Every structure is written in C-alpha cells, then in structure tokens.
C-alpha atoms as a PDB file:
ATOM      1  CA  MET A   1      -0.012  -0.008  -0.009  1.00  0.00           C
ATOM      2  CA  LEU A   2       1.207   3.453  -0.925  1.00  0.00           C
ATOM      3  CA  LYS A   3       2.040   5.704   2.005  1.00  0.00           C
ATOM      4  CA  PRO A   4       2.305   9.399   0.920  1.00  0.00           C
ATOM      5  CA  LYS A   5       5.200  11.468   2.260  1.00  0.00           C
ATOM      6  CA  PHE A   6       3.101  14.562   3.031  1.00  0.00           C
ATOM      7  CA  LYS A   7       0.521  15.584   5.488  1.00  0.00           C
ATOM      8  CA  LEU A   8      -2.870  16.827   4.366  1.00  0.00           C
ATOM      9  CA  THR A   9      -2.898  20.184   6.170  1.00  0.00           C
ATOM     10  CA  PRO A  10      -5.605  22.825   5.926  1.00  0.00           C
ATOM     11  CA  GLU A  11      -3.125  25.024   3.978  1.00  0.00           C
ATOM     12  CA  LEU A  12      -2.350  22.289   1.481  1.00  0.00           C
ATOM     13  CA  LEU A  13      -6.070  21.458   1.072  1.00  0.00           C
ATOM     14  CA  GLY A  14      -6.854  25.160   0.565  1.00  0.00           C
ATOM     15  CA  ASN A  15      -4.175  25.436  -2.153  1.00  0.00           C
ATOM     16  CA  VAL A  16      -5.449  22.362  -4.006  1.00  0.00           C
ATOM     17  CA  THR A  17      -8.956  23.668  -3.820  1.00  0.00           C
ATOM     18  CA  GLN A  18      -7.917  27.085  -5.193  1.00  0.00           C
ATOM     19  CA  ILE A  19      -5.973  25.452  -8.053  1.00  0.00           C
ATOM     20  CA  GLU A  20      -9.011  23.342  -8.870  1.00  0.00           C
ATOM     21  CA  ARG A  21     -11.278  26.336  -8.837  1.00  0.00           C
ATOM     22  CA  LEU A  22      -8.889  28.407 -11.066  1.00  0.00           C
ATOM     23  CA  TYR A  23      -8.490  25.488 -13.484  1.00  0.00           C
ATOM     24  CA  GLY A  24     -12.269  25.226 -13.795  1.00  0.00           C
ATOM     25  CA  GLN A  25     -12.548  28.951 -14.535  1.00  0.00           C
ATOM     26  CA  ILE A  26      -9.828  28.655 -17.238  1.00  0.00           C
ATOM     27  CA  GLU A  27     -11.541  25.588 -18.746  1.00  0.00           C
ATOM     28  CA  GLY A  28     -14.862  27.485 -18.769  1.00  0.00           C
ATOM     29  CA  LEU A  29     -13.463  30.389 -20.779  1.00  0.00           C
ATOM     30  CA  LYS A  30     -14.354  30.238 -24.442  1.00  0.00           C
ATOM     31  CA  ILE A  31     -12.292  32.034 -26.961  1.00  0.00           C
ATOM     32  CA  PRO A  32     -14.526  33.647 -29.521  1.00  0.00           C
ATOM     33  CA  GLN A  33     -14.320  31.693 -32.766  1.00  0.00           C
ATOM     34  CA  LYS A  34     -13.315  34.742 -34.810  1.00  0.00           C
ATOM     35  CA  LEU A  35     -10.405  35.393 -32.386  1.00  0.00           C
ATOM     36  CA  GLU A  36      -9.387  31.760 -32.516  1.00  0.00           C
ATOM     37  CA  LEU A  37      -9.423  31.865 -36.353  1.00  0.00           C
ATOM     38  CA  ASN A  38      -7.345  35.042 -36.377  1.00  0.00           C
ATOM     39  CA  LEU A  39      -4.822  33.558 -33.932  1.00  0.00           C
ATOM     40  CA  HIS A  40      -4.583  30.442 -36.134  1.00  0.00           C
ATOM     41  CA  ARG A  41      -4.142  32.474 -39.293  1.00  0.00           C
ATOM     42  CA  ASP A  42      -1.511  34.728 -37.686  1.00  0.00           C
ATOM     43  CA  ASN A  43       0.413  31.734 -36.416  1.00  0.00           C
ATOM     44  CA  LEU A  44       0.477  30.206 -39.902  1.00  0.00           C
ATOM     45  CA  MET A  45       1.672  33.506 -41.388  1.00  0.00           C
ATOM     46  CA  GLN A  46       4.473  33.833 -38.802  1.00  0.00           C
ATOM     47  CA  SER A  47       5.479  30.192 -39.397  1.00  0.00           C
ATOM     48  CA  SER A  48       5.572  30.829 -43.160  1.00  0.00           C
ATOM     49  CA  TYR A  49       7.773  33.876 -42.625  1.00  0.00           C
ATOM     50  CA  VAL A  50      10.203  32.287 -40.176  1.00  0.00           C
ATOM     51  CA  SER A  51      10.642  28.963 -42.041  1.00  0.00           C
ATOM     52  CA  ASN A  52      11.214  30.647 -45.350  1.00  0.00           C
ATOM     53  CA  SER A  53      13.616  33.218 -43.870  1.00  0.00           C
ATOM     54  CA  ILE A  54      15.657  30.346 -42.390  1.00  0.00           C
ATOM     55  CA  GLU A  55      15.930  29.072 -45.925  1.00  0.00           C
ATOM     56  CA  GLY A  56      17.246  32.429 -47.166  1.00  0.00           C
ATOM     57  CA  ASN A  57      13.998  34.044 -48.388  1.00  0.00           C
ATOM     58  CA  PRO A  58      14.502  37.799 -48.131  1.00  0.00           C
ATOM     59  CA  MET A  59      10.842  38.764 -47.632  1.00  0.00           C
ATOM     60  CA  SER A  60      10.079  40.637 -44.385  1.00  0.00           C
ATOM     61  CA  LEU A  61       7.254  39.699 -42.098  1.00  0.00           C
ATOM     62  CA  ARG A  62       5.260  42.670 -43.308  1.00  0.00           C
ATOM     63  CA  GLU A  63       5.741  41.610 -46.969  1.00  0.00           C
ATOM     64  CA  VAL A  64       4.694  38.061 -46.112  1.00  0.00           C
ATOM     65  CA  THR A  65       1.608  39.257 -44.258  1.00  0.00           C
ATOM     66  CA  ASN A  66       0.658  41.584 -47.152  1.00  0.00           C
ATOM     67  CA  LEU A  67       1.063  38.789 -49.664  1.00  0.00           C
ATOM     68  CA  LEU A  68      -0.931  36.290 -47.693  1.00  0.00           C
ATOM     69  CA  LEU A  69      -3.695  38.619 -46.544  1.00  0.00           C
ATOM     70  CA  GLY A  70      -3.891  40.512 -49.862  1.00  0.00           C
ATOM     71  CA  GLY A  71      -5.005  37.511 -51.849  1.00  0.00           C
ATOM     72  CA  ARG A  72      -2.909  38.434 -54.827  1.00  0.00           C
ATOM     73  CA  VAL A  73      -1.121  35.978 -57.085  1.00  0.00           C
ATOM     74  CA  PRO A  74       2.588  35.616 -56.188  1.00  0.00           C
ATOM     75  CA  VAL A  75       4.792  36.938 -59.011  1.00  0.00           C
ATOM     76  CA  ASN A  76       8.324  35.893 -58.089  1.00  0.00           C
ATOM     77  CA  ARG A  77      10.157  32.948 -56.680  1.00  0.00           C
ATOM     78  CA  GLU A  78      10.227  34.259 -53.133  1.00  0.00           C
ATOM     79  CA  GLU A  79       6.548  34.971 -53.021  1.00  0.00           C
ATOM     80  CA  LYS A  80       5.663  31.566 -54.544  1.00  0.00           C
ATOM     81  CA  GLU A  81       7.798  29.823 -51.888  1.00  0.00           C
ATOM     82  CA  VAL A  82       5.981  31.643 -49.064  1.00  0.00           C
ATOM     83  CA  LYS A  83       2.477  31.080 -50.595  1.00  0.00           C
ATOM     84  CA  ASN A  84       3.161  27.362 -51.271  1.00  0.00           C
ATOM     85  CA  TYR A  85       4.393  26.824 -47.653  1.00  0.00           C
ATOM     86  CA  PHE A  86       1.389  28.695 -46.288  1.00  0.00           C
ATOM     87  CA  ASP A  87      -1.032  26.571 -48.313  1.00  0.00           C
ATOM     88  CA  ILE A  88       0.664  23.379 -47.134  1.00  0.00           C
ATOM     89  CA  LEU A  89       0.385  24.509 -43.501  1.00  0.00           C
ATOM     90  CA  GLN A  90      -3.317  25.318 -43.963  1.00  0.00           C
ATOM     91  CA  ASN A  91      -3.890  21.804 -45.211  1.00  0.00           C
ATOM     92  CA  LEU A  92      -1.848  19.822 -42.665  1.00  0.00           C
ATOM     93  CA  LYS A  93      -4.996  18.321 -41.200  1.00  0.00           C
ATOM     94  CA  ASN A  94      -5.448  16.482 -44.495  1.00  0.00           C
ATOM     95  CA  TYR A  95      -2.263  14.487 -43.688  1.00  0.00           C
ATOM     96  CA  ALA A  96      -3.046  13.652 -40.089  1.00  0.00           C
ATOM     97  CA  GLU A  97      -4.210  10.092 -40.777  1.00  0.00           C
ATOM     98  CA  ARG A  98      -1.733   9.357 -43.570  1.00  0.00           C
ATOM     99  CA  LYS A  99       1.364   7.256 -43.068  1.00  0.00           C
ATOM    100  CA  ILE A 100       4.497   9.312 -43.414  1.00  0.00           C
ATOM    101  CA  ASP A 101       6.347   7.659 -46.276  1.00  0.00           C
ATOM    102  CA  LEU A 102       8.369   8.632 -49.310  1.00  0.00           C
ATOM    103  CA  PRO A 103       5.325   9.190 -51.658  1.00  0.00           C
ATOM    104  CA  LEU A 104       3.791  11.577 -49.105  1.00  0.00           C
ATOM    105  CA  ILE A 105       7.023  13.490 -48.595  1.00  0.00           C
ATOM    106  CA  LEU A 106       7.507  13.747 -52.368  1.00  0.00           C
ATOM    107  CA  ASP A 107       3.952  14.943 -52.842  1.00  0.00           C
ATOM    108  CA  ILE A 108       4.405  17.685 -50.185  1.00  0.00           C
ATOM    109  CA  HIS A 109       7.746  18.617 -51.804  1.00  0.00           C
ATOM    110  CA  LYS A 110       6.090  18.905 -55.226  1.00  0.00           C
ATOM    111  CA  GLN A 111       3.490  21.309 -53.751  1.00  0.00           C
ATOM    112  CA  LEU A 112       6.177  23.365 -52.018  1.00  0.00           C
ATOM    113  CA  MET A 113       8.346  23.701 -55.062  1.00  0.00           C
ATOM    114  CA  GLN A 114       5.529  24.197 -57.653  1.00  0.00           C
ATOM    115  CA  GLY A 115       6.315  27.327 -59.699  1.00  0.00           C
ATOM    116  CA  VAL A 116       9.556  27.749 -57.700  1.00  0.00           C
ATOM    117  CA  LYS A 117      11.803  25.014 -59.053  1.00  0.00           C
ATOM    118  CA  ASP A 118       9.629  22.807 -61.184  1.00  0.00           C
ATOM    119  CA  LYS A 119      12.559  20.658 -62.346  1.00  0.00           C
ATOM    120  CA  ILE A 120      13.184  19.332 -58.847  1.00  0.00           C
ATOM    121  CA  ALA A 121       9.636  19.495 -57.528  1.00  0.00           C
ATOM    122  CA  GLY A 122       8.613  16.132 -56.010  1.00  0.00           C
ATOM    123  CA  LYS A 123      11.940  14.491 -56.778  1.00  0.00           C
ATOM    124  CA  ILE A 124      14.843  13.231 -54.728  1.00  0.00           C
ATOM    125  CA  ARG A 125      18.066  14.994 -55.499  1.00  0.00           C
ATOM    126  CA  ASN A 126      20.717  12.686 -56.951  1.00  0.00           C
ATOM    127  CA  LYS A 127      23.709  14.966 -56.739  1.00  0.00           C
ATOM    128  CA  ARG A 128      26.015  16.219 -54.069  1.00  0.00           C
ATOM    129  CA  VAL A 129      24.957  19.327 -52.129  1.00  0.00           C
ATOM    130  CA  VAL A 130      26.968  21.767 -50.019  1.00  0.00           C
ATOM    131  CA  VAL A 131      25.960  24.699 -47.913  1.00  0.00           C
ATOM    132  CA  GLY A 132      28.359  27.639 -48.182  1.00  0.00           C
ATOM    133  CA  LYS A 133      29.175  30.763 -50.085  1.00  0.00           C
ATOM    134  CA  TYR A 134      31.459  31.962 -52.820  1.00  0.00           C
ATOM    135  CA  THR A 135      34.193  34.431 -51.917  1.00  0.00           C
ATOM    136  CA  ASN A 136      36.136  36.645 -54.341  1.00  0.00           C
ATOM    137  CA  ASN A 137      39.921  36.439 -54.047  1.00  0.00           C
ATOM    138  CA  GLU A 138      41.010  39.673 -55.756  1.00  0.00           C
ATOM    139  CA  LYS A 139      44.700  38.897 -55.561  1.00  0.00           C
ATOM    140  CA  LYS A 140      44.316  35.556 -57.363  1.00  0.00           C
ATOM    141  CA  LYS A 141      41.392  36.886 -59.435  1.00  0.00           C
ATOM    142  CA  ASN A 142      39.217  33.935 -58.769  1.00  0.00           C
ATOM    143  CA  PHE A 143      36.337  32.718 -56.658  1.00  0.00           C
ATOM    144  CA  SER A 144      36.437  29.979 -54.065  1.00  0.00           C
ATOM    145  CA  LEU A 145      33.718  28.131 -52.230  1.00  0.00           C
ATOM    146  CA  GLU A 146      33.663  28.263 -48.435  1.00  0.00           C
ATOM    147  CA  VAL A 147      31.853  25.098 -47.380  1.00  0.00           C
ATOM    148  CA  LYS A 148      29.944  25.455 -44.125  1.00  0.00           C
ATOM    149  CA  HIS A 149      28.209  22.111 -44.258  1.00  0.00           C
ATOM    150  CA  GLU A 150      28.385  19.129 -46.532  1.00  0.00           C
ATOM    151  CA  PRO A 151      25.593  16.655 -45.890  1.00  0.00           C
ATOM    152  CA  PRO A 152      26.234  13.020 -46.642  1.00  0.00           C
ATOM    153  CA  PHE A 153      25.625  12.128 -50.222  1.00  0.00           C
ATOM    154  CA  HIS A 154      22.880   9.602 -50.948  1.00  0.00           C
ATOM    155  CA  GLN A 155      22.572   7.969 -54.351  1.00  0.00           C
ATOM    156  CA  ARG A 156      18.956   6.769 -54.675  1.00  0.00           C
ATOM    157  CA  ASN A 157      18.616   3.350 -56.270  1.00  0.00           C
ATOM    158  CA  LYS A 158      16.214   3.308 -59.163  1.00  0.00           C
ATOM    159  CA  SER A 159      14.016   0.354 -58.275  1.00  0.00           C
END
C-alpha cells in the first residue's frame, strides 16, 4: 500500500481547492471563434515567414503578411515559396491520418516547389549538395567556395 510522504494540512487542502477552482474557470473560458481563427491564421503567417527566412527568403514579415492577406497572385520565386508553404500549413490536417512515407514526402515537396523550381519538385536530388558561399579572391582573381556544411551524399537506387 502506498504511504504518501506529506501531511494533508488545511493550507495544502486550501491550495489544491484554489488550483481546482482556477483550473475550472480557465476551462470555462471560451475564446470567440473569430479570435481563434485570427490567432490560427497569424500563427500560420508567422510560421511561413520564419521557415522561409531560415531558408534564405529575403521577404520581411510585413511583406509576407501583405502577400498572404492581400489575396494576390505571387509573382516571383520568393513569393511563390511563401504562398506554397502557407497553403501546405493550412492543409496539414489532411495528412493527419496518412502514413509518413516517401510518396507523401515527395507529394508535399512537389506542392512546395511548384512554380519555384519545377525541375526538382517532388523528386529526390541525386547529386552532391553543399551549404556555403562563394568568396572573391581579388589577388588571385578567382572565386572559391567556403563550405559550411556538406551533408552526406545519398545515391537513390532506381528500383
């Protein structure tokens, strides 16, 4: 039999009662549906901005917001990246019951890259990739690549 290592004092009982009462009040609060929808939309817009900026997209949060709220058709690569990402986030619930497998990942990648890089959309890359930048050596009059990260190369078998 379990023997608790505390004493049920009036102070402890009062604290537990107060916690339970406050928890009930919080649970009873209802966020208006319009506010909930706005919070959801704002979260998706911020996620679209942050995730794309990590990937080097130069658009500001204000530009992303204007694009997504304005309902206009994206005209350049950066805008298409953001809009595609936002559309995927809005439809994540459609993937909730699906098994995460290669066809699903390729399908999402195809949606993400549509109109951005159509040649690679929905395909696995079969060439070496490096993350880095080119620097100009003016003395030698050439460019060199500073590699910051070189992921392991994977050659996909065609089967």
